[in-house]
Protein backbone atom coordinates (compact mmCIF):
# COMPACT_ATOMS: atom_id res chain seq x y z
CA MET A 1 3.80 18.22 -5.60
CA ARG A 2 2.26 14.95 -4.38
CA LYS A 3 0.35 13.00 -6.98
CA PRO A 4 -1.01 9.90 -5.20
CA ALA A 5 -3.02 7.41 -7.24
CA LEU A 6 -6.26 6.08 -5.79
CA ILE A 7 -6.48 2.31 -6.27
CA VAL A 8 -10.04 0.90 -6.20
CA ILE A 9 -9.85 -2.90 -5.93
CA ASP A 10 -12.67 -5.34 -6.77
CA VAL A 11 -15.58 -2.98 -6.09
CA GLN A 12 -17.92 -5.24 -8.01
CA ASN A 13 -21.50 -6.41 -7.58
CA GLY A 14 -20.38 -9.88 -6.50
CA ILE A 15 -19.06 -8.51 -3.20
CA ASP A 16 -22.71 -8.31 -2.10
CA GLU A 17 -22.95 -12.12 -2.19
CA ALA A 18 -21.75 -12.15 1.41
CA SER A 19 -22.24 -15.87 2.03
CA HIS A 20 -19.68 -16.66 -0.67
CA TRP A 21 -17.06 -14.60 1.15
CA GLY A 22 -17.85 -15.75 4.70
CA GLY A 23 -20.74 -13.49 5.69
CA ASN A 24 -21.07 -10.69 8.23
CA ARG A 25 -19.11 -8.05 6.33
CA ASN A 26 -17.69 -5.22 8.41
CA ASN A 27 -17.52 -1.58 7.30
CA PRO A 28 -20.95 -1.30 5.65
CA GLU A 29 -19.98 2.30 4.84
CA ALA A 30 -16.99 1.25 2.70
CA GLU A 31 -18.71 2.00 -0.62
CA GLU A 32 -19.78 5.45 0.59
CA ASN A 33 -16.21 6.22 1.67
CA ILE A 34 -14.78 4.94 -1.62
CA GLY A 35 -17.26 7.23 -3.38
CA LEU A 36 -16.05 10.23 -1.34
CA LEU A 37 -12.46 9.43 -2.24
CA LEU A 38 -13.32 9.02 -5.94
CA LYS A 39 -15.01 12.43 -5.96
CA ALA A 40 -12.04 14.06 -4.25
CA TRP A 41 -9.57 12.47 -6.67
CA LYS A 42 -11.61 13.64 -9.66
CA LYS A 43 -11.98 17.17 -8.24
CA ASN A 44 -8.23 17.35 -7.65
CA ASP A 45 -7.42 15.82 -11.06
CA LEU A 46 -5.49 12.96 -9.46
CA PRO A 47 -5.10 9.52 -11.06
CA VAL A 48 -7.69 6.83 -10.33
CA ILE A 49 -6.88 3.17 -10.97
CA ILE A 50 -9.82 0.74 -11.19
CA VAL A 51 -9.03 -2.94 -10.64
CA GLN A 52 -11.56 -5.64 -11.57
CA HIS A 53 -11.22 -9.26 -10.50
CA CYS A 54 -12.07 -11.71 -13.28
CA SER A 55 -12.06 -15.04 -11.47
CA VAL A 56 -11.18 -18.29 -13.18
CA SER A 57 -13.36 -20.16 -10.66
CA PRO A 58 -16.77 -21.06 -12.10
CA ALA A 59 -18.32 -20.65 -8.62
CA SER A 60 -16.97 -17.15 -8.00
CA PRO A 61 -19.33 -14.16 -8.03
CA PHE A 62 -16.47 -12.38 -9.85
CA ARG A 63 -16.45 -14.77 -12.83
CA PRO A 64 -16.68 -13.09 -16.26
CA GLY A 65 -20.13 -13.13 -17.81
CA TYR A 66 -21.87 -13.11 -14.41
CA THR A 67 -23.54 -9.94 -13.06
CA GLY A 68 -21.32 -10.11 -9.98
CA ASN A 69 -18.30 -9.42 -12.18
CA GLU A 70 -19.61 -5.97 -13.10
CA LEU A 71 -18.26 -2.89 -11.35
CA LYS A 72 -20.65 -1.29 -8.88
CA ASP A 73 -22.61 1.54 -10.47
CA PHE A 74 -20.95 4.32 -8.46
CA VAL A 75 -17.51 3.22 -9.74
CA LYS A 76 -18.43 3.02 -13.43
CA PRO A 77 -18.18 6.80 -14.12
CA TYR A 78 -14.56 6.70 -12.90
CA ALA A 79 -13.64 3.75 -15.11
CA VAL A 80 -13.12 5.98 -18.12
CA GLY A 81 -9.64 4.78 -18.95
CA LYS A 82 -8.09 1.38 -18.72
CA ILE A 83 -9.53 -1.09 -16.21
CA PHE A 84 -6.87 -3.39 -14.79
CA GLN A 85 -8.35 -6.88 -14.93
CA LYS A 86 -6.74 -9.52 -12.76
CA SER A 87 -7.34 -13.15 -11.89
CA ALA A 88 -4.86 -13.28 -8.98
CA THR A 89 -5.13 -11.58 -5.60
CA SER A 90 -2.55 -8.83 -6.21
CA ALA A 91 -3.44 -6.12 -8.72
CA PHE A 92 0.17 -6.32 -9.94
CA ILE A 93 0.07 -9.99 -11.01
CA GLY A 94 -0.84 -10.53 -14.66
CA THR A 95 -1.39 -6.81 -15.32
CA ASP A 96 0.79 -3.91 -16.43
CA LEU A 97 -0.17 -1.83 -13.38
CA HIS A 98 3.43 -1.35 -12.20
CA LYS A 99 4.57 -0.15 -15.65
CA THR A 100 1.56 2.15 -15.95
CA LEU A 101 2.24 3.73 -12.56
CA GLN A 102 5.91 4.18 -13.44
CA ASP A 103 5.01 5.73 -16.81
CA ILE A 104 2.82 8.38 -15.16
CA GLY A 105 5.28 9.05 -12.35
CA ILE A 106 3.33 7.63 -9.43
CA ASP A 107 5.17 6.54 -6.28
CA GLU A 108 2.35 6.89 -3.73
CA LEU A 109 -0.81 4.75 -3.63
CA VAL A 110 -4.02 5.13 -1.65
CA ILE A 111 -5.59 1.66 -1.57
CA THR A 112 -9.32 0.94 -1.15
CA GLY A 113 -11.67 -1.92 -1.96
CA PHE A 114 -12.33 -5.54 -1.18
CA VAL A 115 -11.44 -7.87 0.52
CA THR A 116 -9.06 -6.49 3.16
CA ASN A 117 -7.36 -9.80 3.98
CA ASN A 118 -7.23 -10.88 0.35
CA SER A 119 -6.73 -8.57 -2.64
CA VAL A 120 -6.22 -5.39 -0.62
CA GLU A 121 -3.52 -6.95 1.54
CA ALA A 122 -1.85 -8.76 -1.38
CA THR A 123 -1.76 -5.58 -3.47
CA ALA A 124 -0.43 -3.44 -0.61
CA ARG A 125 2.29 -5.98 0.21
CA MET A 126 3.45 -6.21 -3.39
CA ALA A 127 3.27 -2.43 -3.84
CA GLY A 128 5.44 -2.02 -0.75
CA ASP A 129 7.93 -4.54 -2.10
CA LEU A 130 8.00 -2.60 -5.39
CA GLY A 131 8.89 0.59 -3.51
CA TYR A 132 5.57 2.44 -3.44
CA LYS A 133 4.56 4.51 -0.44
CA ASN A 134 1.14 3.11 0.49
CA ILE A 135 -1.86 4.20 2.47
CA VAL A 136 -4.61 1.64 3.07
CA VAL A 137 -7.89 3.32 3.93
CA SER A 138 -9.31 1.39 6.88
CA ASP A 139 -12.94 2.45 6.45
CA ALA A 140 -12.89 2.18 2.64
CA THR A 141 -12.00 -1.53 2.79
CA ALA A 142 -13.87 -4.46 4.33
CA ALA A 143 -13.57 -8.11 5.31
CA PHE A 144 -15.84 -11.04 6.11
CA ASP A 145 -16.01 -13.62 8.86
CA LYS A 146 -13.42 -16.38 8.62
CA ILE A 147 -13.20 -19.89 10.04
CA ALA A 148 -9.59 -20.76 10.92
CA ILE A 149 -7.98 -24.13 10.20
CA ASP A 150 -8.57 -25.14 13.82
CA GLY A 151 -12.28 -24.28 13.53
CA THR A 152 -12.07 -21.01 15.45
CA HIS A 153 -14.54 -18.40 14.20
CA TYR A 154 -13.10 -14.92 13.66
CA SER A 155 -15.46 -11.99 13.12
CA SER A 156 -15.08 -9.79 10.07
CA GLN A 157 -13.88 -6.96 12.29
CA GLN A 158 -11.18 -9.18 13.82
CA VAL A 159 -10.07 -10.35 10.35
CA HIS A 160 -10.05 -6.75 9.08
CA THR A 161 -8.08 -5.43 12.06
CA LEU A 162 -5.52 -8.24 11.89
CA SER A 163 -5.03 -7.77 8.15
CA LEU A 164 -4.46 -4.03 8.57
CA SER A 165 -2.08 -4.81 11.44
CA HIS A 166 -0.06 -7.06 9.10
CA LEU A 167 0.37 -4.13 6.73
CA LYS A 168 0.90 -1.33 9.26
CA ASP A 169 4.29 0.36 9.11
CA GLU A 170 6.06 -2.32 7.05
CA TYR A 171 3.93 -2.13 3.90
CA ALA A 172 1.53 0.77 4.43
CA SER A 173 0.24 3.53 6.62
CA ILE A 174 -3.32 2.93 7.80
CA ARG A 175 -5.64 5.96 7.60
CA THR A 176 -9.36 6.71 7.64
CA THR A 177 -11.19 8.37 4.77
CA ASP A 178 -11.37 11.63 6.72
CA GLU A 179 -7.62 11.56 7.37
CA VAL A 180 -6.85 10.93 3.69
CA LEU A 181 -9.21 13.69 2.53
CA ALA A 182 -7.69 16.13 5.01
CA SER A 183 -4.21 15.39 3.67
CA LEU A 184 -4.96 16.21 0.02
CA ILE A 185 -3.11 19.27 -1.25
CA ILE A 186 -6.28 20.84 -2.64
CA PRO A 187 -9.20 20.54 -0.18
CA ILE A 188 -12.39 19.05 -1.58
């Protein structure tokens, strides 16, 4: 029987400080979709992994001791076990996430959270390299506008789409929340 783990990356209050990240966030419904997935995982007694970014940058909204570092309220009830705290982009760097997943027999990950072209992409790439079968949930992740090195402005939707395109097929399957929920063994 499939036992995919839901990975919830950096769903913290500081993500709402949009100007820090580049502004104009896409997927305003990402938190709602993450909430739906969390409820389905709990109902189906599937493993949930909460990842919290603890930045070493004193200007980061994710720095420890700042309110932005706190998990969003809707995630807190699901953070009943260990929270994987990281200071790098990938949830596997500086944590025992890989060992924990191996210990509980997980080989499939459903990845959600922030920011698509940063921690979500880095985690999915490394998970793929470690041999996990990955699904990145396109509408349960989000990105922000980005200014390229040549000064070109890319919208958050363009950044998001390109990041998911980098992952598609080589590192992960890309699915919507509805598609992931429909694929669970026990319907919600």
